[in-house]
Protein backbone atom coordinates (compact mmCIF):
# COMPACT_ATOMS: atom_id res chain seq x y z
CA MET A 1 11.40 4.43 20.27
CA PRO A 2 11.48 2.30 17.10
CA TRP A 3 7.71 2.57 16.66
CA GLY A 4 7.88 6.37 16.39
CA GLY A 5 8.80 6.36 12.71
CA ALA A 6 6.02 3.94 11.84
CA TYR A 7 3.49 6.03 13.77
CA LEU A 8 4.72 9.25 12.17
CA ALA A 9 4.63 7.77 8.67
CA GLY A 10 1.36 5.87 9.00
CA PHE A 11 -0.80 8.35 10.85
CA ILE A 12 0.64 11.80 10.28
CA LEU A 13 2.75 12.05 7.13
CA VAL A 14 0.50 9.94 4.89
CA GLY A 15 -2.56 11.94 5.87
CA ARG A 16 -0.77 15.23 5.34
CA TYR A 17 1.37 14.53 2.25
CA GLY A 18 -0.06 11.37 0.69
CA LEU A 19 1.44 7.91 0.39
CA ASP A 20 3.79 8.55 -2.53
CA ARG A 21 5.40 11.65 -1.01
CA THR A 22 5.77 9.91 2.35
CA VAL A 23 7.52 6.95 0.73
CA PHE A 24 9.90 9.26 -1.14
CA LEU A 25 10.57 11.21 2.05
CA ALA A 26 11.33 8.02 3.97
CA GLY A 27 13.60 6.76 1.19
CA GLY A 28 15.42 10.09 1.07
CA LEU A 29 15.92 10.09 4.83
CA ASN A 30 17.25 6.53 4.69
CA ILE A 31 19.74 7.46 1.97
CA LEU A 32 20.80 10.53 3.95
CA ALA A 33 21.31 8.41 7.07
CA ASP A 34 23.36 5.90 5.05
CA LEU A 35 25.58 8.61 3.62
CA LEU A 36 26.03 10.14 7.06
CA ALA A 37 26.99 6.77 8.54
CA LEU A 38 29.49 6.14 5.75
CA GLY A 39 30.98 9.61 6.25
CA ILE A 40 31.32 9.10 9.99
CA ASP A 41 32.84 5.68 9.42
CA ARG A 42 35.45 7.01 7.01
CA TYR A 43 36.25 9.97 9.26
CA THR A 44 36.65 7.93 12.44
CA GLN A 45 38.30 4.86 10.95
CA ALA A 46 41.93 4.45 11.93
CA PRO A 47 44.33 3.24 9.25
CA THR A 48 44.66 -0.51 9.31
CA PRO A 49 48.01 -2.19 9.09
CA ALA A 50 48.68 -4.45 6.14
CA LEU A 51 47.23 -7.87 6.71
CA ASN A 52 49.50 -10.85 6.76
CA LEU A 53 47.47 -14.01 6.47
CA SER A 54 50.39 -16.16 7.40
CA ALA A 55 50.78 -14.23 10.66
CA GLY A 56 47.50 -15.45 12.11
CA GLN A 57 44.49 -13.67 10.54
CA ALA A 58 41.44 -15.85 10.86
CA GLN A 59 40.63 -17.37 7.55
CA GLY A 60 37.00 -17.60 6.51
CA GLU A 61 36.05 -14.37 8.26
CA PRO A 62 33.72 -12.36 6.01
CA SER A 63 35.09 -9.12 4.68
CA ARG A 64 33.51 -5.76 5.44
CA PRO A 65 31.74 -5.33 2.06
CA VAL A 66 30.01 -8.67 2.57
CA TRP A 67 28.59 -7.45 5.89
CA MET A 68 27.45 -4.22 4.26
CA VAL A 69 25.55 -6.19 1.62
CA VAL A 70 24.00 -8.40 4.30
CA PHE A 71 22.88 -5.35 6.32
CA PHE A 72 21.50 -3.70 3.19
CA LEU A 73 19.50 -6.79 2.22
CA THR A 74 18.07 -7.29 5.70
CA GLY A 75 17.10 -3.63 5.91
CA PHE A 76 15.50 -3.79 2.49
CA ALA A 77 13.57 -6.93 3.44
CA SER A 78 12.42 -5.29 6.66
CA LEU A 79 11.13 -2.25 4.79
CA ALA A 80 9.40 -4.44 2.21
CA PHE A 81 7.62 -6.44 4.92
CA GLN A 82 6.57 -3.24 6.68
CA ILE A 83 5.01 -1.97 3.46
CA LEU A 84 3.25 -5.30 2.86
CA TRP A 85 1.96 -5.33 6.44
CA THR A 86 0.65 -1.77 6.15
CA LYS A 87 -1.04 -2.48 2.81
CA GLY A 88 -2.54 -5.66 4.24
CA LEU A 89 -4.01 -3.74 7.15
CA ALA A 90 -5.39 -1.16 4.78
CA LEU A 91 -7.13 -3.79 2.69
CA PHE A 92 -8.52 -6.07 5.38
CA VAL A 93 -8.95 -3.98 8.52
CA ASP A 94 -10.97 -0.80 8.47
CA ASN A 95 -8.96 1.12 11.06
CA THR A 96 -6.00 2.58 9.21
CA VAL A 97 -5.39 5.81 7.39
CA TYR A 98 -5.40 4.00 4.07
CA SER A 99 -8.68 2.12 4.45
CA SER A 100 -10.87 5.18 4.82
CA SER A 101 -10.94 6.02 1.11
CA ALA A 102 -13.66 5.14 -1.35
CA LYS A 103 -11.16 3.42 -3.62
CA SER A 104 -10.00 1.17 -0.78
CA HIS A 105 -13.55 0.15 0.06
CA ASN A 106 -14.23 -0.57 -3.61
CA ASN A 107 -11.10 -2.75 -3.76
CA ILE A 108 -12.01 -4.55 -0.54
CA ALA A 109 -15.51 -5.19 -1.90
CA THR A 110 -14.05 -6.63 -5.10
CA LEU A 111 -11.95 -9.03 -3.01
CA TYR A 112 -15.02 -10.09 -1.06
CA LEU A 113 -16.88 -10.75 -4.30
CA ALA A 114 -14.00 -12.88 -5.53
CA VAL A 115 -14.34 -15.16 -2.49
CA GLY A 116 -18.13 -15.32 -2.67
CA GLN A 117 -19.00 -12.90 0.13
CA GLY A 118 -21.53 -10.80 -1.79
CA ASP A 119 -23.38 -9.22 1.13
CA THR A 120 -20.13 -8.06 2.72
CA ALA A 121 -18.99 -6.76 -0.66
CA ALA A 122 -22.24 -4.82 -1.05
CA ARG A 123 -21.66 -3.13 2.34
CA HIS A 124 -18.20 -2.01 1.20
CA PHE A 125 -19.52 -0.77 -2.15
CA LEU A 126 -22.13 1.24 -0.26
CA ARG A 127 -19.45 2.63 2.07
CA ALA A 128 -17.36 3.65 -0.96
CA ILE A 129 -20.39 5.42 -2.44
CA GLU A 130 -21.02 7.14 0.89
CA LEU A 131 -17.40 8.35 1.06
CA ASP A 132 -17.32 9.61 -2.55
CA PRO A 133 -20.73 9.87 -4.22
CA ALA A 134 -19.11 11.01 -7.50
CA TYR A 135 -16.95 7.85 -7.76
CA VAL A 136 -18.72 5.80 -10.44
CA THR A 137 -16.86 2.48 -10.16
CA PRO A 138 -18.43 1.24 -6.87
CA ARG A 139 -21.90 2.09 -8.21
CA LEU A 140 -21.25 0.05 -11.32
CA ASN A 141 -19.77 -2.82 -9.32
CA LEU A 142 -22.73 -2.75 -6.94
CA GLY A 143 -25.10 -2.75 -9.91
CA PHE A 144 -23.34 -5.78 -11.40
CA TYR A 145 -23.50 -7.54 -8.03
CA TYR A 146 -27.22 -6.79 -7.69
CA ARG A 147 -27.82 -8.03 -11.25
CA ASP A 148 -25.96 -11.29 -10.57
CA ALA A 149 -27.77 -11.69 -7.23
CA GLY A 150 -31.18 -11.23 -8.90
CA LYS A 151 -32.01 -7.95 -7.18
CA SER A 152 -33.37 -6.32 -10.34
CA ASP A 153 -35.08 -3.40 -8.58
CA GLN A 154 -31.73 -2.17 -7.22
CA VAL A 155 -29.78 -2.78 -10.44
CA GLU A 156 -31.50 0.00 -12.38
CA GLU A 157 -31.05 2.48 -9.55
CA GLN A 158 -27.26 2.00 -9.42
CA PHE A 159 -26.76 2.01 -13.19
CA GLN A 160 -28.99 5.08 -13.63
CA ARG A 161 -27.11 7.00 -10.94
CA ALA A 162 -23.79 6.00 -12.55
CA ARG A 163 -25.09 7.26 -15.88
CA GLU A 164 -26.03 10.62 -14.28
CA ILE A 165 -22.56 11.01 -12.78
CA ASP A 166 -20.53 9.96 -15.84
CA PRO A 167 -22.56 9.28 -18.97
CA THR A 168 -19.38 8.53 -20.98
CA HIS A 169 -18.07 5.78 -18.70
CA PRO A 170 -17.00 2.83 -20.90
CA ALA A 171 -18.74 0.24 -18.73
CA LEU A 172 -22.11 1.88 -19.31
CA ARG A 173 -21.90 1.05 -23.02
CA GLU A 174 -21.63 -2.63 -22.18
CA ILE A 175 -24.64 -2.78 -19.87
CA HIS A 176 -27.51 -4.36 -21.74
CA ALA A 177 -29.92 -4.02 -18.84
CA LEU A 178 -30.29 -0.28 -19.44
CA PRO A 179 -32.61 1.04 -22.14
């Protein structure tokens, strides 16, 4: 059941404890498992006789510490790719635990704007506003998009609502379209 840990982490622990705590928990469990494996290995390892290379030991055979480094690096790479995969899903597919937040939708919308997909970006900005009406950043970003797209009637609405939510937001000082 190798998928059990990924399911537990991605759909249960992250929702209950947040991403940072889940990562620290997973790292702590990995370190605990490593220490346990090293302890079992030392406890069960029989003493080895002195090696005599001239008596027929295969030369060129990697030593044990080399294999431990190789296993560590492959495990580390595997974990890194799992994190990248999960983050990629969160950014580009709207069906994970991570992609249901207003901040994620705002970030996705910003990516869509960067590649010239304004209408798709606007939908994600609106979804971010729907998820967290008090989050000012997607309103400002949507207002800037509307201004650049020439939708002047909708620009004022977004900037005015942003001003009502957070009148001290630094971006509001830079908006020349507001009176």
